Amino acid sequence: MKKLLLYTILFTAFVACEKEYSVENAGTVTNTSTGSLQDSAGNCQAIQVVGTYKQNEALTSSNYLRVNINFTSIGKFTVYSDTVNGYWFYASGYAYTTAPQTITINSFGKPVLSADGHFSLHFGNSVCSFIVPDNNSVTNPPNTSTDYYPTSTNSNWTYFNSTLNDTAMVTVFAADKVLNGNTYRQFILEVPILSKSDTLLYRKDGAGNYYRYYTIGTGQKADYLFLKDYPIVGSTWDSPTVPGTLSGNPTSVKYHFTLVSKNITSTIGTNTIDSIIEVKEETQYLENGVFNTKNIFVYSYAKKIGLVDLNQQNSIPNITVPITRWKVY
């Protein structure tokens, strides 16, 4: 589970295997499929943006969308976006079943300006919005806000994963999710090289406490504090302890956090970032009545930006996931 975190940046587990459907011509079939881009609750499903989008660079087969569609009848379908900043997305094909399907939507044209693209995607009577980030440069220099984990809708971040030797992207989804009385912002993680995406849940209380709802080690999911921005250096705290396994044997597992340092200054691109907080996270398993550390990760968070770096201290070679660009709204 912890190794998977490195592949997907932010403690994520991949969704169950999805069948990929082509968008080739369906021949002489004339019936038209029905369905929606939204789930049964009326919320827009994740739209994964794949590829790099830069000013005056023509889009290729490496630039596309992965979209979840709930088909309610079989037949020919068309999915398309509006044209924004000189480019657009379009696909047609045939839905063979009424099960939820993941469709690849091809891109056309090229960005005319260096700017984020704000699109609407259309299928049948459903419309969902999404943003294609401008990849020309790092954006949004930090300000004096003390918010170390922004959750504003459509904010997005790109990281470089040294294990994959490729990038991954995180975007804040518009719809919130309520679990066990807590309201979470939904973050969509996209890993193009693996053709995978996942939904991550975060919340904060406005008093310097930041929470994640996710799997703890090899155990179950739980709500836990992953960052505190106000304690002194050396402060520690633990996640809830949950049932887990170690080497195939049942045990208990938890995360142990230590605030390692504060007010660090670093240069990212052309931006000088100050007041960075470093938090060490140790995955600890109960062995013979004692919690022992098996994995160690250090996270770096910057004001008004969020996560800016992640590395695993007990790996050979060292695994790093630094930020390469961001846009916070």
Foldseek 3Di string as FASTA:
>chain_A
DVVVCLLQVHQDDFDPDADEDAQDDPPPFDDEWDWECADPVRHHDDKDWFDAAEAPDWDDQRTKIKGKIQIPDWFKWKKWKDDWQFKIWIGIHIDPDRHIHIYIIDMGTHHNDQAKTWMWMDTDPYIDIAIHHRPPAADDFFDDFPDQAAQDAQWKFKKAWPVVRGIKMKGWHPDWDDDPNDIWTWIWIGDSVVRTIDIWTKDDDVQQWIWTFHAQDQFGTDIFTPTGLDDDFFDKDKGDKGWGDDPRHIWIKIKIKGFHDFFDWDDAGNHIFTGKTKMKIFIWTADPNDTDGDWIKIWITGHPFHTAKMWTPPDVPIIMMGIRHIDHD
